[in-house]
C-alpha atoms as a PDB file:
ATOM      1  CA  MET A   1       2.514  18.830   7.493  1.00  0.00           C
ATOM      2  CA  LEU A   2      -0.831  18.702   5.753  1.00  0.00           C
ATOM      3  CA  GLN A   3       0.585  16.304   3.127  1.00  0.00           C
ATOM      4  CA  ILE A   4       1.565  13.885   6.210  1.00  0.00           C
ATOM      5  CA  TYR A   5      -1.927  13.788   7.211  1.00  0.00           C
ATOM      6  CA  PHE A   6      -3.307  13.093   3.798  1.00  0.00           C
ATOM      7  CA  LEU A   7      -0.520  10.239   3.700  1.00  0.00           C
ATOM      8  CA  GLN A   8      -1.615   9.152   6.802  1.00  0.00           C
ATOM      9  CA  HIS A   9      -5.664   9.171   5.692  1.00  0.00           C
ATOM     10  CA  TRP A  10      -4.965   7.560   2.580  1.00  0.00           C
ATOM     11  CA  LEU A  11      -3.078   4.673   3.492  1.00  0.00           C
ATOM     12  CA  GLU A  12      -4.349   4.583   7.177  1.00  0.00           C
ATOM     13  CA  LEU A  13      -1.420   4.551   9.455  1.00  0.00           C
ATOM     14  CA  SER A  14      -1.054   5.440  12.633  1.00  0.00           C
ATOM     15  CA  ASP A  15       1.796   8.307  13.799  1.00  0.00           C
ATOM     16  CA  PRO A  16       4.234   6.113  14.750  1.00  0.00           C
ATOM     17  CA  ALA A  17       3.776   4.205  11.253  1.00  0.00           C
ATOM     18  CA  ALA A  18       3.750   7.512   9.158  1.00  0.00           C
ATOM     19  CA  GLU A  19       7.243   8.399  10.828  1.00  0.00           C
ATOM     20  CA  GLU A  20       8.566   4.787   9.861  1.00  0.00           C
ATOM     21  CA  ALA A  21       7.436   4.790   6.449  1.00  0.00           C
ATOM     22  CA  MET A  22       8.937   8.399   5.409  1.00  0.00           C
ATOM     23  CA  TYR A  23      12.392   6.944   6.924  1.00  0.00           C
ATOM     24  CA  ASP A  24      11.818   3.693   4.665  1.00  0.00           C
ATOM     25  CA  SER A  25      10.125   5.126   1.393  1.00  0.00           C
ATOM     26  CA  ARG A  26      12.185   7.420  -0.761  1.00  0.00           C
ATOM     27  CA  ALA A  27       8.782   8.192  -2.505  1.00  0.00           C
ATOM     28  CA  MET A  28       6.748   9.189   0.552  1.00  0.00           C
ATOM     29  CA  ARG A  29       9.329  11.528   1.458  1.00  0.00           C
ATOM     30  CA  ARG A  30       9.078  13.381  -1.760  1.00  0.00           C
ATOM     31  CA  LEU A  31       5.710  13.707  -1.989  1.00  0.00           C
ATOM     32  CA  VAL A  32       5.364  15.185   1.376  1.00  0.00           C
ATOM     33  CA  GLY A  33       8.272  17.270   0.864  1.00  0.00           C
ATOM     34  CA  ILE A  34      11.102  16.056   2.952  1.00  0.00           C
ATOM     35  CA  ASP A  35      14.783  16.136   2.151  1.00  0.00           C
ATOM     36  CA  LEU A  36      16.610  14.277   4.653  1.00  0.00           C
ATOM     37  CA  GLY A  37      19.751  16.101   4.129  1.00  0.00           C
ATOM     38  CA  ASN A  38      18.020  19.660   4.903  1.00  0.00           C
ATOM     39  CA  GLU A  39      15.530  18.594   7.337  1.00  0.00           C
ATOM     40  CA  PRO A  40      14.422  15.843   9.793  1.00  0.00           C
ATOM     41  CA  ILE A  41      11.077  14.015   9.443  1.00  0.00           C
ATOM     42  CA  PRO A  42       8.656  14.946  12.161  1.00  0.00           C
ATOM     43  CA  ASP A  43       8.333  12.479  14.892  1.00  0.00           C
ATOM     44  CA  GLU A  44       5.359  10.621  16.100  1.00  0.00           C
ATOM     45  CA  THR A  45       4.622  13.618  18.829  1.00  0.00           C
ATOM     46  CA  ALA A  46       4.452  16.407  16.148  1.00  0.00           C
ATOM     47  CA  LEU A  47       2.205  14.350  13.668  1.00  0.00           C
END
């Protein structure tokens, strides 16, 4: 979760934009350590 916070801060993303970026970008999912096969991406309310 901390990695997602830093990602949002560095790229100036809102919560919904960060969620969408993680669905769209494999590199961002790898950066925050999320594997879509094993765990879901947190939704914007959890961010």
